[in-house]
N, C-alpha and C. Protein backbone atom coordinates (compact mmCIF):
# COMPACT_ATOMS: atom_id res chain seq x y z
N UNK A 1 -0.26 17.99 23.33
CA UNK A 1 0.97 17.21 22.91
C UNK A 1 0.32 15.98 21.98
N UNK A 2 0.74 16.06 20.80
CA UNK A 2 0.09 15.23 19.69
C UNK A 2 0.89 14.04 19.69
N UNK A 3 0.19 13.25 18.38
CA UNK A 3 0.99 11.69 18.24
C UNK A 3 2.12 11.83 17.79
N UNK A 4 2.23 12.76 16.64
CA UNK A 4 3.72 12.75 16.14
C UNK A 4 4.80 13.00 17.19
N UNK A 5 4.62 13.85 18.36
CA UNK A 5 5.61 14.48 19.10
C UNK A 5 5.83 13.32 20.06
N UNK A 6 4.64 12.48 20.54
CA UNK A 6 4.77 11.33 21.35
C UNK A 6 5.75 10.11 20.70
N UNK A 7 5.70 10.04 19.20
CA UNK A 7 6.25 9.01 18.62
C UNK A 7 7.79 9.42 18.57
N UNK A 8 8.05 10.68 18.26
CA UNK A 8 9.53 11.25 17.99
C UNK A 8 10.22 11.22 19.38
N UNK A 9 9.34 11.59 20.41
CA UNK A 9 10.03 11.93 21.67
C UNK A 9 10.32 10.61 22.57
N UNK A 10 9.28 9.76 22.54
CA UNK A 10 9.14 8.50 23.34
C UNK A 10 9.10 7.20 22.67
N UNK A 11 8.29 7.11 21.70
CA UNK A 11 8.00 5.91 21.23
C UNK A 11 9.29 5.19 20.37
N UNK A 12 9.75 6.09 19.48
CA UNK A 12 10.87 5.93 18.67
C UNK A 12 12.16 5.48 19.60
N UNK A 13 12.40 6.28 20.76
CA UNK A 13 13.40 5.79 21.55
C UNK A 13 13.39 4.51 22.27
N UNK A 14 12.14 4.35 22.74
CA UNK A 14 11.73 3.24 23.48
C UNK A 14 12.18 1.85 22.43
N UNK A 15 11.68 1.94 21.41
CA UNK A 15 11.91 0.49 20.43
C UNK A 15 13.60 0.68 20.05
N UNK A 16 14.14 1.98 19.99
CA UNK A 16 15.70 1.74 19.64
C UNK A 16 16.25 0.93 20.76
N UNK A 17 15.81 1.28 22.09
CA UNK A 17 16.46 0.65 23.37
C UNK A 17 16.10 -0.78 23.13
N UNK A 18 15.20 -1.26 22.37
CA UNK A 18 14.84 -2.56 22.25
C UNK A 18 15.66 -3.24 20.96
N UNK A 19 16.51 -2.65 20.36
CA UNK A 19 17.33 -2.83 19.34
C UNK A 19 16.84 -2.73 17.91
N UNK A 20 15.85 -2.03 17.93
CA UNK A 20 15.22 -2.01 16.45
C UNK A 20 15.74 -0.55 15.73
N UNK A 21 16.14 -0.87 14.40
CA UNK A 21 16.60 0.20 13.72
C UNK A 21 15.57 1.07 13.13
N UNK A 22 15.01 1.90 14.02
CA UNK A 22 13.76 2.71 13.46
C UNK A 22 13.71 3.56 12.32
N UNK A 23 15.23 4.36 12.30
CA UNK A 23 15.19 5.37 11.23
C UNK A 23 15.94 4.63 10.20
N UNK A 24 16.07 3.24 9.92
CA UNK A 24 16.93 2.56 9.00
C UNK A 24 18.43 3.22 8.80
N UNK A 25 19.27 3.40 9.76
CA UNK A 25 20.65 4.12 9.93
C UNK A 25 21.43 2.93 9.14
N UNK A 26 20.75 1.75 9.26
CA UNK A 26 21.59 0.61 8.37
C UNK A 26 21.71 0.90 6.97
N UNK A 27 20.72 1.68 6.50
CA UNK A 27 20.62 1.79 5.00
C UNK A 27 20.12 0.43 4.47
N UNK A 28 19.21 -0.21 4.91
CA UNK A 28 18.96 -1.42 4.12
C UNK A 28 17.92 -1.03 3.14
N UNK A 29 17.96 -2.15 2.19
CA UNK A 29 16.98 -1.98 0.96
C UNK A 29 15.37 -1.90 1.57
N UNK A 30 14.56 -1.21 0.76
CA UNK A 30 13.25 -0.91 1.26
C UNK A 30 12.62 -2.35 1.78
N UNK A 31 13.04 -3.55 1.12
CA UNK A 31 12.37 -4.90 1.35
C UNK A 31 12.78 -5.64 2.58
N UNK A 32 13.96 -4.82 3.38
CA UNK A 32 14.50 -5.30 4.48
C UNK A 32 14.57 -4.61 5.67
N UNK A 33 13.86 -3.39 5.33
CA UNK A 33 13.93 -2.53 6.59
C UNK A 33 13.40 -3.17 8.00
N UNK A 34 14.01 -2.94 9.14
CA UNK A 34 13.44 -3.27 10.33
C UNK A 34 12.15 -2.88 10.62
N UNK A 35 11.84 -1.44 10.04
CA UNK A 35 10.54 -0.93 10.46
C UNK A 35 10.04 -0.16 9.49
N UNK A 36 8.75 -0.40 8.94
CA UNK A 36 8.15 0.50 8.14
C UNK A 36 6.93 1.30 8.68
N UNK A 37 7.28 2.33 8.53
CA UNK A 37 6.18 3.64 9.21
C UNK A 37 4.99 3.75 8.10
N UNK A 38 3.80 3.81 8.94
CA UNK A 38 2.57 3.78 8.08
C UNK A 38 2.53 2.78 7.01
N UNK A 39 2.54 1.42 7.45
CA UNK A 39 2.89 0.52 6.32
C UNK A 39 1.17 0.20 5.94
N UNK A 40 1.10 -0.70 4.83
CA UNK A 40 -0.33 -0.59 4.32
C UNK A 40 -1.06 -2.06 4.40
N UNK A 41 -2.01 -2.34 5.24
CA UNK A 41 -2.85 -3.49 5.29
C UNK A 41 -4.35 -3.04 4.80
N UNK A 42 -4.80 -4.13 4.29
CA UNK A 42 -6.16 -4.09 3.76
C UNK A 42 -7.20 -4.66 4.95
N UNK A 43 -8.02 -3.84 5.58
CA UNK A 43 -9.09 -4.01 6.54
C UNK A 43 -10.32 -3.65 5.96
N UNK A 44 -11.20 -4.80 5.89
CA UNK A 44 -12.24 -4.78 5.06
C UNK A 44 -12.01 -4.40 3.83
N UNK A 45 -12.84 -3.31 3.32
CA UNK A 45 -12.82 -2.94 2.17
C UNK A 45 -11.70 -1.61 1.62
N UNK A 46 -11.04 -1.37 2.81
CA UNK A 46 -10.18 -0.17 2.89
C UNK A 46 -8.77 -0.45 3.21
N UNK A 47 -7.81 0.32 2.56
CA UNK A 47 -6.50 -0.06 2.92
C UNK A 47 -6.28 1.09 4.24
N UNK A 48 -5.72 0.68 5.15
CA UNK A 48 -5.43 1.45 6.40
C UNK A 48 -3.80 1.27 6.51
N UNK A 49 -3.25 2.14 7.59
CA UNK A 49 -1.65 2.34 7.66
C UNK A 49 -1.52 2.36 9.19
N UNK A 50 -1.21 1.02 9.62
CA UNK A 50 -0.57 1.26 11.17
C UNK A 50 0.71 1.86 11.03
N UNK A 51 0.90 2.54 12.50
CA UNK A 51 2.10 3.55 12.44
C UNK A 51 3.31 2.71 12.39
N UNK A 52 3.44 1.50 12.76
CA UNK A 52 4.76 1.03 12.88
C UNK A 52 4.49 -0.39 12.36
N UNK A 53 5.15 -1.27 11.45
CA UNK A 53 5.25 -2.44 11.33
C UNK A 53 6.73 -2.98 11.19
N UNK A 54 6.79 -3.71 12.32
CA UNK A 54 8.19 -4.26 12.94
C UNK A 54 8.31 -5.79 12.04
N UNK A 55 9.54 -5.78 11.37
CA UNK A 55 10.02 -6.88 10.58
C UNK A 55 11.19 -7.49 10.73
N UNK A 56 11.40 -8.78 10.43
CA UNK A 56 12.47 -9.65 10.36
C UNK A 56 12.71 -10.17 8.91
N UNK A 57 13.91 -9.71 8.30
CA UNK A 57 13.95 -10.22 6.98
C UNK A 57 12.70 -9.85 6.26
N UNK A 58 12.38 -8.96 6.12
CA UNK A 58 10.98 -8.49 5.34
C UNK A 58 9.71 -9.15 5.74
N UNK A 59 9.73 -9.88 6.60
CA UNK A 59 8.46 -10.46 7.08
C UNK A 59 7.93 -9.79 8.48
N UNK A 60 6.63 -9.27 8.33
CA UNK A 60 5.87 -8.71 9.32
C UNK A 60 5.99 -9.71 10.54
N UNK A 61 6.36 -8.94 11.96
CA UNK A 61 6.09 -9.68 13.10
C UNK A 61 5.07 -9.30 13.94
N UNK A 62 4.96 -7.83 13.77
CA UNK A 62 3.91 -7.21 14.93
C UNK A 62 3.74 -5.74 14.28
N UNK A 63 2.62 -5.18 14.90
CA UNK A 63 2.14 -3.86 14.54
C UNK A 63 2.39 -3.07 15.84
N UNK A 64 3.02 -1.77 15.65
CA UNK A 64 2.55 -0.84 16.93
C UNK A 64 1.67 0.40 16.42
N UNK A 65 0.61 0.54 16.96
CA UNK A 65 -0.28 1.63 16.90
C UNK A 65 -0.15 2.62 18.07
N UNK A 66 0.23 4.01 17.64
CA UNK A 66 0.52 5.02 18.63
C UNK A 66 -0.65 5.69 18.83
N UNK A 67 -0.82 6.48 20.03
CA UNK A 67 -1.75 7.31 20.48
C UNK A 67 -1.40 8.51 21.10
N UNK A 68 -1.96 9.88 21.02
CA UNK A 68 -1.48 10.76 21.83
C UNK A 68 -1.82 10.55 23.11
N UNK A 69 -1.13 11.21 24.13
CA UNK A 69 -1.20 10.76 25.72
C UNK A 69 -2.69 11.13 26.18
N UNK A 70 -3.18 12.03 25.45
CA UNK A 70 -4.63 12.31 26.02
C UNK A 70 -5.71 11.04 25.97
N UNK A 71 -5.51 10.25 25.15
CA UNK A 71 -6.11 8.70 24.82
C UNK A 71 -5.86 7.84 25.89
N UNK A 72 -7.00 7.57 26.54
CA UNK A 72 -6.98 6.53 27.60
C UNK A 72 -6.83 5.05 27.18
N UNK A 73 -5.68 4.40 26.69
CA UNK A 73 -5.61 2.91 26.45
C UNK A 73 -6.38 1.99 27.13
N UNK A 74 -6.05 2.26 28.40
CA UNK A 74 -6.90 1.29 29.41
C UNK A 74 -8.31 1.34 29.53
N UNK A 75 -8.90 2.36 29.24
CA UNK A 75 -10.55 2.38 29.23
C UNK A 75 -11.09 2.82 27.73
N UNK A 76 -10.55 3.14 26.89
CA UNK A 76 -11.12 3.33 25.59
C UNK A 76 -11.08 2.40 24.63
N UNK A 77 -12.05 1.71 24.18
CA UNK A 77 -12.22 0.49 23.28
C UNK A 77 -12.06 0.97 22.00
N UNK A 78 -12.04 1.78 21.44
CA UNK A 78 -11.70 2.26 20.03
C UNK A 78 -10.37 1.86 19.62
N UNK A 79 -9.32 2.42 20.23
CA UNK A 79 -8.06 2.02 19.93
C UNK A 79 -7.75 0.69 19.87
N UNK A 80 -8.16 0.06 20.91
CA UNK A 80 -7.93 -1.65 20.99
C UNK A 80 -8.61 -2.11 19.74
N UNK A 81 -9.64 -1.92 19.30
CA UNK A 81 -10.58 -2.49 18.27
C UNK A 81 -9.73 -2.00 16.72
N UNK A 82 -9.05 -0.92 16.69
CA UNK A 82 -8.47 -0.56 15.72
C UNK A 82 -7.31 -1.29 15.73
N UNK A 83 -6.41 -1.45 16.54
CA UNK A 83 -5.34 -2.23 16.51
C UNK A 83 -5.66 -3.86 15.98
N UNK A 84 -6.65 -4.26 16.92
CA UNK A 84 -6.90 -5.77 16.48
C UNK A 84 -7.34 -5.98 15.14
N UNK A 85 -8.05 -4.99 14.63
CA UNK A 85 -8.43 -5.35 13.33
C UNK A 85 -7.29 -5.14 12.34
N UNK A 86 -6.19 -4.56 12.49
CA UNK A 86 -5.11 -4.22 11.72
C UNK A 86 -4.19 -5.68 11.87
N UNK A 87 -4.08 -6.04 13.12
CA UNK A 87 -3.29 -7.28 13.44
C UNK A 87 -4.11 -8.54 12.60
N UNK A 88 -5.36 -8.63 12.86
CA UNK A 88 -6.14 -9.59 12.41
C UNK A 88 -6.40 -9.71 11.10
N UNK A 89 -6.36 -8.50 10.20
CA UNK A 89 -6.52 -8.60 8.81
C UNK A 89 -5.08 -9.00 8.18
N UNK A 90 -3.90 -8.68 8.98
CA UNK A 90 -2.69 -9.18 8.46
C UNK A 90 -2.20 -10.43 9.05
N UNK A 91 -3.02 -11.15 9.57
CA UNK A 91 -2.78 -12.59 10.28
C UNK A 91 -1.49 -12.44 11.13
N UNK A 92 -1.43 -11.40 12.08
CA UNK A 92 -0.41 -11.21 12.88
C UNK A 92 -0.82 -11.95 14.30
N UNK A 93 -0.02 -12.63 15.10
CA UNK A 93 -0.46 -13.09 16.27
C UNK A 93 -0.71 -11.90 17.42
N UNK A 94 0.09 -11.12 17.25
CA UNK A 94 0.23 -9.99 18.65
C UNK A 94 0.41 -8.74 17.95
N UNK A 95 0.02 -7.58 18.44
CA UNK A 95 0.33 -6.32 18.12
C UNK A 95 0.20 -5.34 19.55
N UNK A 96 0.92 -4.19 19.25
CA UNK A 96 0.87 -3.28 20.64
C UNK A 96 0.31 -1.92 20.23
N UNK A 97 -0.54 -1.50 21.42
CA UNK A 97 -1.06 -0.12 21.34
C UNK A 97 -0.29 0.57 22.52
N UNK A 98 0.08 1.79 22.13
CA UNK A 98 0.74 2.57 22.99
C UNK A 98 0.70 4.08 22.80
N UNK A 99 0.74 4.81 23.90
CA UNK A 99 1.09 6.28 23.75
C UNK A 99 2.08 6.79 24.80
N UNK A 100 3.01 5.37 24.80
CA UNK A 100 4.25 5.71 25.88
C UNK A 100 3.85 5.57 27.32
N UNK A 101 2.79 6.59 27.68
CA UNK A 101 2.50 6.63 29.17
C UNK A 101 1.83 4.89 29.47
N UNK A 102 1.12 4.45 28.33
CA UNK A 102 0.70 3.12 28.74
C UNK A 102 1.11 2.23 27.60
N UNK A 103 1.09 0.96 27.72
CA UNK A 103 1.57 0.03 26.86
C UNK A 103 0.75 -1.33 26.81
N UNK A 104 0.13 -1.57 25.91
CA UNK A 104 -0.73 -2.78 25.89
C UNK A 104 -0.48 -3.63 24.79
N UNK A 105 -0.38 -4.90 25.16
CA UNK A 105 -0.17 -5.99 24.17
C UNK A 105 -1.26 -6.93 23.91
N UNK A 106 -1.67 -7.01 22.66
CA UNK A 106 -3.07 -7.68 22.23
C UNK A 106 -3.02 -9.10 21.35
N UNK A 107 -3.65 -9.76 21.79
CA UNK A 107 -3.83 -10.94 20.85
C UNK A 107 -4.57 -10.64 19.73
N UNK A 108 -4.11 -10.88 18.45
CA UNK A 108 -4.75 -10.37 17.22
C UNK A 108 -5.23 -11.66 16.55
N UNK A 109 -5.12 -12.73 17.23
CA UNK A 109 -5.81 -13.99 16.53
C UNK A 109 -7.12 -14.40 16.75
N UNK A 110 -7.84 -13.56 17.45
CA UNK A 110 -9.26 -13.64 17.61
C UNK A 110 -10.16 -12.62 16.81
N UNK A 111 -11.00 -12.97 16.10
CA UNK A 111 -11.72 -11.81 15.42
C UNK A 111 -12.21 -10.49 16.40
N UNK A 112 -11.87 -9.38 15.88
CA UNK A 112 -12.19 -8.13 16.90
C UNK A 112 -13.77 -7.88 16.57
N UNK A 113 -14.31 -7.35 17.64
CA UNK A 113 -15.72 -6.87 17.58
C UNK A 113 -15.49 -5.56 18.12
N UNK A 114 -16.28 -4.61 17.40
CA UNK A 114 -16.36 -3.45 17.84
C UNK A 114 -16.84 -3.26 19.36
N UNK A 115 -17.55 -4.07 19.97
CA UNK A 115 -18.54 -4.02 20.86
C UNK A 115 -17.42 -4.57 22.30
N UNK A 116 -16.58 -5.09 21.99
CA UNK A 116 -15.38 -5.56 22.85
C UNK A 116 -14.83 -4.65 23.70
N UNK A 117 -14.77 -4.76 24.96
CA UNK A 117 -14.15 -3.79 25.88
C UNK A 117 -12.89 -3.72 25.40
N UNK A 118 -11.88 -2.66 26.01
CA UNK A 118 -10.44 -2.58 25.78
C UNK A 118 -9.62 -3.51 26.45
N UNK A 119 -10.27 -4.45 27.31
CA UNK A 119 -9.35 -5.59 28.04
C UNK A 119 -9.48 -6.70 27.51
N UNK A 120 -10.50 -6.81 26.38
CA UNK A 120 -10.82 -8.17 25.68
C UNK A 120 -9.43 -8.48 24.69
N UNK A 121 -8.83 -9.69 24.89
CA UNK A 121 -7.68 -10.16 24.37
C UNK A 121 -6.44 -9.32 24.45
N UNK A 122 -6.36 -8.72 25.79
CA UNK A 122 -5.23 -8.06 26.21
C UNK A 122 -4.39 -8.73 27.04
N UNK A 123 -3.29 -9.02 26.57
CA UNK A 123 -2.31 -9.95 27.18
C UNK A 123 -1.35 -9.31 28.13
N UNK A 124 -0.91 -8.44 27.96
CA UNK A 124 0.12 -7.40 28.88
C UNK A 124 -0.46 -5.98 29.03
N UNK A 125 -0.31 -5.43 30.03
CA UNK A 125 -0.69 -3.97 30.03
C UNK A 125 0.53 -3.29 31.23
N UNK A 126 1.29 -2.43 30.76
CA UNK A 126 2.25 -1.43 31.49
C UNK A 126 1.82 -0.07 31.55
N UNK A 127 2.18 0.54 32.75
CA UNK A 127 2.09 2.01 32.72
C UNK A 127 3.69 2.39 32.48
N UNK A 128 4.07 3.49 32.20
CA UNK A 128 5.44 3.88 32.11
C UNK A 128 6.20 3.62 33.44
N UNK A 129 5.40 3.70 34.52
CA UNK A 129 5.91 3.74 35.90
C UNK A 129 6.52 2.05 36.00
N UNK A 130 5.83 1.40 35.23
CA UNK A 130 6.16 -0.01 35.64
C UNK A 130 7.51 -0.70 34.71
N UNK A 131 7.89 0.37 33.52
CA UNK A 131 8.97 -0.17 32.56
C UNK A 131 10.04 -0.65 33.09
N UNK A 132 10.87 0.02 34.07
CA UNK A 132 12.04 -0.30 34.56
C UNK A 132 11.83 -1.82 35.26
N UNK A 133 10.70 -2.01 36.19
CA UNK A 133 10.65 -3.23 36.81
C UNK A 133 10.44 -4.46 35.81
N UNK A 134 9.80 -4.20 34.71
CA UNK A 134 9.27 -5.22 33.94
C UNK A 134 10.19 -5.23 32.62
N UNK A 135 11.43 -4.45 32.58
CA UNK A 135 12.21 -4.24 31.43
C UNK A 135 12.53 -5.62 30.84
N UNK A 136 13.05 -6.28 31.78
CA UNK A 136 13.47 -7.75 31.26
C UNK A 136 12.35 -8.62 30.52
N UNK A 137 11.21 -8.48 31.11
CA UNK A 137 10.04 -9.30 30.27
C UNK A 137 9.64 -8.55 29.05
N UNK A 138 9.87 -7.18 28.90
CA UNK A 138 9.62 -6.52 27.75
C UNK A 138 10.64 -7.13 26.61
N UNK A 139 12.00 -7.21 27.10
CA UNK A 139 13.10 -7.21 26.25
C UNK A 139 12.75 -8.63 25.70
N UNK A 140 12.38 -9.63 26.72
CA UNK A 140 12.66 -11.08 26.26
C UNK A 140 11.44 -11.41 25.25
N UNK A 141 10.55 -10.63 25.14
CA UNK A 141 9.27 -10.66 23.96
C UNK A 141 9.56 -9.86 22.59
N UNK A 142 10.08 -8.57 22.97
CA UNK A 142 9.89 -7.52 21.80
C UNK A 142 11.23 -6.99 21.49
N UNK A 143 12.40 -7.32 21.92
CA UNK A 143 13.26 -6.73 21.36
C UNK A 143 13.77 -7.43 19.97
N UNK A 144 14.61 -6.81 19.22
CA UNK A 144 14.96 -7.36 17.96
C UNK A 144 15.55 -8.76 18.03
N UNK A 145 16.52 -8.93 19.08
CA UNK A 145 17.38 -10.17 19.28
C UNK A 145 16.07 -11.05 19.80
N UNK A 146 15.35 -10.90 20.46
CA UNK A 146 14.32 -12.08 21.26
C UNK A 146 13.49 -12.49 20.00
N UNK A 147 13.13 -11.58 19.16
CA UNK A 147 12.13 -11.92 18.00
C UNK A 147 13.17 -12.64 16.95
N UNK A 148 14.24 -12.41 16.77
CA UNK A 148 15.02 -13.46 15.76
C UNK A 148 15.58 -14.70 16.42
N UNK A 149 15.55 -14.75 17.75
CA UNK A 149 15.84 -15.99 18.55
C UNK A 149 14.62 -16.93 18.55
N UNK A 150 13.57 -16.34 18.24
CA UNK A 150 12.21 -17.11 18.33
C UNK A 150 11.28 -17.01 19.62
N UNK A 151 11.66 -16.19 20.50
CA UNK A 151 11.03 -16.14 21.79
C UNK A 151 9.41 -15.47 21.43
N UNK A 152 9.43 -14.45 20.48
CA UNK A 152 8.43 -13.89 20.07
C UNK A 152 7.58 -15.02 19.60
N UNK A 153 7.84 -15.61 18.72
CA UNK A 153 7.10 -16.66 18.12
C UNK A 153 6.58 -17.61 19.08
N UNK A 154 7.31 -18.00 19.75
CA UNK A 154 7.00 -19.11 20.77
C UNK A 154 5.83 -18.72 21.78
N UNK A 155 5.94 -17.41 22.07
CA UNK A 155 4.85 -16.79 23.03
C UNK A 155 3.75 -16.69 22.31
N UNK A 156 3.79 -16.46 20.95
CA UNK A 156 2.65 -16.24 20.34
C UNK A 156 1.82 -17.34 20.06
N UNK A 157 2.51 -18.47 19.86
CA UNK A 157 2.25 -19.71 19.48
C UNK A 157 1.49 -20.19 20.60
N UNK A 158 1.90 -19.97 21.88
CA UNK A 158 1.03 -20.58 22.98
C UNK A 158 -0.20 -19.97 23.31
N UNK A 159 -0.49 -18.80 22.51
CA UNK A 159 -1.81 -17.94 22.76
C UNK A 159 -2.82 -18.26 21.60
N UNK A 160 -2.50 -19.13 20.56
CA UNK A 160 -3.33 -19.18 19.38
C UNK A 160 -3.95 -20.43 19.60
N UNK A 161 -4.28 -21.17 20.34
CA UNK A 161 -5.07 -22.44 20.45
C UNK A 161 -6.39 -22.01 20.28
N UNK A 162 -7.20 -22.77 19.63
CA UNK A 162 -8.63 -22.77 19.34
C UNK A 162 -8.91 -21.17 18.45
N UNK A 163 -8.18 -20.64 17.99
CA UNK A 163 -8.63 -19.49 17.26
C UNK A 163 -8.78 -19.54 15.86
N UNK A 164 -9.53 -18.88 15.25
CA UNK A 164 -9.71 -18.92 13.74
C UNK A 164 -8.76 -17.96 13.07
N UNK A 165 -8.50 -18.20 11.78
CA UNK A 165 -7.58 -17.36 11.03
C UNK A 165 -8.67 -16.36 10.23
N UNK A 166 -8.22 -15.40 9.52
CA UNK A 166 -8.94 -14.36 8.51
C UNK A 166 -9.45 -15.25 7.54
N UNK A 167 -8.61 -16.17 6.80
CA UNK A 167 -9.01 -17.05 5.57
C UNK A 167 -10.10 -17.96 6.05
N UNK A 168 -10.08 -18.58 7.19
CA UNK A 168 -11.17 -19.58 7.76
C UNK A 168 -12.41 -18.62 8.25
N UNK A 169 -12.27 -17.58 8.44
CA UNK A 169 -13.56 -16.59 8.71
C UNK A 169 -14.11 -16.18 7.48
N UNK A 170 -13.33 -15.80 6.32
CA UNK A 170 -13.59 -15.60 5.06
C UNK A 170 -14.55 -16.72 4.44
N UNK A 171 -14.06 -17.76 4.44
CA UNK A 171 -14.69 -18.95 3.93
C UNK A 171 -16.03 -19.25 4.56
N UNK A 172 -16.14 -19.23 6.11
CA UNK A 172 -17.34 -19.39 6.80
C UNK A 172 -18.22 -18.23 6.23
N UNK A 173 -17.90 -17.02 6.03
CA UNK A 173 -18.80 -16.03 5.34
C UNK A 173 -19.50 -16.33 3.97
N UNK A 174 -18.50 -16.90 3.21
CA UNK A 174 -19.00 -17.27 1.89
C UNK A 174 -19.95 -18.39 2.01
N UNK A 175 -19.84 -19.23 2.93
CA UNK A 175 -20.87 -20.11 3.01
C UNK A 175 -22.30 -19.62 3.45
N UNK A 176 -22.31 -18.61 4.18
CA UNK A 176 -23.57 -17.95 4.63
C UNK A 176 -24.21 -17.21 3.35
N UNK A 177 -23.14 -16.72 2.39
CA UNK A 177 -23.71 -16.11 1.20
C UNK A 177 -24.35 -17.19 0.45
N UNK A 178 -23.59 -18.25 0.42
CA UNK A 178 -24.28 -19.56 -0.59
C UNK A 178 -25.74 -19.70 -0.07
N UNK A 179 -25.79 -20.02 1.29
CA UNK A 179 -27.03 -20.34 1.70
C UNK A 179 -28.18 -19.46 1.39
N UNK A 180 -27.83 -18.13 1.62
CA UNK A 180 -28.83 -17.04 1.47
C UNK A 180 -29.27 -17.03 -0.18
N UNK A 181 -28.24 -17.15 -0.95
CA UNK A 181 -28.54 -16.98 -2.16
C UNK A 181 -29.46 -18.09 -2.84
N UNK A 182 -28.97 -19.27 -2.37
CA UNK A 182 -29.64 -20.40 -2.83
C UNK A 182 -31.14 -20.33 -2.41
N UNK A 183 -31.34 -19.86 -1.27
CA UNK A 183 -32.62 -19.58 -0.64
C UNK A 183 -33.58 -18.89 -1.56
N UNK A 184 -32.94 -17.68 -1.79
CA UNK A 184 -33.74 -16.60 -2.44
C UNK A 184 -33.94 -16.99 -4.10
N UNK A 185 -32.90 -17.64 -4.52
CA UNK A 185 -33.12 -18.12 -6.12
C UNK A 185 -34.23 -19.16 -6.05
N UNK A 186 -34.33 -20.24 -5.10
CA UNK A 186 -35.39 -21.06 -5.07
C UNK A 186 -36.77 -20.55 -5.02
N UNK A 187 -36.83 -19.57 -4.16
CA UNK A 187 -38.25 -18.78 -4.00
C UNK A 187 -38.59 -18.17 -5.06
N UNK A 188 -37.82 -17.79 -6.01
CA UNK A 188 -38.27 -16.73 -7.17
C UNK A 188 -38.11 -17.65 -8.58
N UNK A 189 -37.41 -18.74 -8.54
CA UNK A 189 -37.23 -19.48 -9.67
C UNK A 189 -37.48 -20.86 -9.67
N UNK A 190 -37.88 -21.38 -10.82
CA UNK A 190 -38.09 -22.98 -10.95
C UNK A 190 -36.79 -23.58 -11.52
N UNK A 191 -35.89 -24.00 -10.77
CA UNK A 191 -34.47 -24.40 -11.26
C UNK A 191 -34.27 -25.79 -10.70
N UNK A 192 -33.41 -26.38 -11.46
CA UNK A 192 -32.67 -27.82 -10.93
C UNK A 192 -31.57 -27.58 -9.98
N UNK A 193 -31.34 -28.64 -9.21
CA UNK A 193 -30.26 -28.57 -8.29
C UNK A 193 -29.08 -28.27 -8.96
N UNK A 194 -28.73 -28.62 -10.06
CA UNK A 194 -27.54 -28.56 -10.90
C UNK A 194 -27.64 -26.95 -11.18
N UNK A 195 -28.35 -26.50 -11.86
CA UNK A 195 -28.51 -25.01 -12.23
C UNK A 195 -28.42 -24.04 -10.95
N UNK A 196 -28.93 -24.48 -9.69
CA UNK A 196 -29.21 -23.81 -8.69
C UNK A 196 -27.63 -23.52 -8.31
N UNK A 197 -27.08 -24.78 -8.00
CA UNK A 197 -25.46 -24.67 -7.60
C UNK A 197 -24.65 -23.73 -8.46
N UNK A 198 -24.92 -23.82 -9.77
CA UNK A 198 -24.16 -23.31 -10.69
C UNK A 198 -24.44 -21.75 -10.67
N UNK A 199 -25.75 -21.54 -10.52
CA UNK A 199 -25.97 -19.91 -10.55
C UNK A 199 -25.60 -19.11 -9.20
N UNK A 200 -25.49 -19.91 -7.93
CA UNK A 200 -24.89 -19.43 -6.80
C UNK A 200 -23.50 -19.19 -7.05
N UNK A 201 -22.83 -20.28 -7.35
CA UNK A 201 -21.16 -20.05 -7.79
C UNK A 201 -20.97 -18.91 -8.49
N UNK A 202 -21.78 -18.93 -9.45
CA UNK A 202 -21.15 -17.82 -10.42
C UNK A 202 -21.30 -16.54 -9.80
N UNK A 203 -22.53 -16.05 -9.04
CA UNK A 203 -22.92 -14.83 -8.27
C UNK A 203 -21.72 -14.50 -7.40
N UNK A 204 -21.33 -15.62 -6.79
CA UNK A 204 -20.31 -15.37 -5.50
C UNK A 204 -19.01 -14.91 -6.30
N UNK A 205 -18.56 -15.73 -7.35
CA UNK A 205 -17.10 -15.60 -8.20
C UNK A 205 -17.19 -14.25 -8.60
N UNK A 206 -18.24 -13.64 -9.08
CA UNK A 206 -18.40 -12.59 -9.87
C UNK A 206 -18.37 -11.44 -8.92
N UNK A 207 -19.06 -11.51 -7.55
CA UNK A 207 -18.78 -10.46 -6.43
C UNK A 207 -17.41 -10.19 -5.96
N UNK A 208 -16.77 -11.45 -5.79
CA UNK A 208 -15.49 -11.50 -5.26
C UNK A 208 -14.23 -10.95 -6.22
N UNK A 209 -14.70 -11.23 -7.58
CA UNK A 209 -13.73 -10.65 -8.58
C UNK A 209 -14.07 -9.28 -8.88
N UNK A 210 -15.16 -8.56 -8.54
CA UNK A 210 -15.43 -6.99 -8.72
C UNK A 210 -14.88 -6.58 -7.47
N UNK A 211 -14.99 -7.00 -6.46
CA UNK A 211 -14.33 -6.54 -5.07
C UNK A 211 -12.80 -6.45 -5.11
N UNK A 212 -12.13 -7.41 -5.86
CA UNK A 212 -10.89 -7.38 -6.12
C UNK A 212 -10.45 -6.23 -6.84
N UNK A 213 -11.31 -5.94 -8.09
CA UNK A 213 -11.00 -5.07 -8.99
C UNK A 213 -11.11 -3.57 -8.32
N UNK A 214 -12.09 -3.49 -7.54
CA UNK A 214 -12.28 -2.40 -6.74
C UNK A 214 -11.13 -1.98 -5.91
N UNK A 215 -10.76 -2.88 -5.10
CA UNK A 215 -9.79 -2.72 -4.18
C UNK A 215 -8.43 -2.27 -4.89
N UNK A 216 -8.34 -2.75 -5.97
CA UNK A 216 -6.94 -2.47 -7.04
C UNK A 216 -7.00 -1.27 -7.87
N UNK A 217 -8.06 -0.53 -7.57
CA UNK A 217 -8.58 0.87 -8.49
C UNK A 217 -8.79 0.44 -9.91
N UNK A 218 -9.21 -0.78 -10.32
CA UNK A 218 -9.48 -1.15 -11.63
C UNK A 218 -10.90 -0.62 -12.04
N UNK A 219 -11.87 -0.82 -10.86
CA UNK A 219 -13.26 -0.54 -10.95
C UNK A 219 -13.54 0.45 -9.90
N UNK A 220 -14.50 1.57 -10.12
CA UNK A 220 -14.76 2.24 -9.08
C UNK A 220 -15.59 1.60 -8.03
N UNK A 221 -15.51 1.95 -6.88
CA UNK A 221 -16.31 1.30 -5.70
C UNK A 221 -17.70 1.22 -5.98
C-alpha cells in the first residue's frame, strides 16, 4: 500500500474534514490556493518538495509530509528529520508527519540534527484510534478556521521561546568561516589587519554569490 494511495484514500479526506480545499474546488488562483502539493523549499543546497504546503492568503502556515503505512513514524528517525529540515529551512514553526495510521506534530523552530531520535521536538502524537477522542484538539489547532482565527499562531508562538532561526544560524556559520579563513591567511601570508579583513570578506562574498548562482541554475554546481 503506497504513499500515493494513503494520500488519496485517507490523508486528503482527513484534511478536507478540517476545512481545507485540498483539490482547489473553489478554483482560486495559484497564489491563493489553500494547499500546494509538492511545494518547493530550499534545504541546504538542494530544492525539496514537501508533500503538502497549507497556506492562508498565499502565506505558508505548515507542511505535511506523508509516508506509506509501512513506515513507523513513532520509531523511525529519518522521516522526522526530513520533515523538520523542511520546516526549519522554510522558517515554519510547526509541521506534521503522517501516514494516517500515525499523526505527529513537530516543532520546527529548533535546528534539526540527523542524530536526533523521532521523539525530539515532537509536540503531539496520535494513532488513528485516537482521532475521535482528540478530534476537538486537532480541529482547534489545524482546521482552516482555527488557523484563520489565530489559534495555530498562538500555539506556535508558545513553543518558540529560546530558539534560533535559520537566518541566525546562517550568520553564526559565516562567523565560523570568517575565523577559519583569517587564521589560514595569517599562517600563509604577511598581511596587515586591514588587508586581512578585506580578503576574508571578499572570499566569503564570492562564495555566497557563486552558491546563489548555482542554486538558480546560472552556474554549474
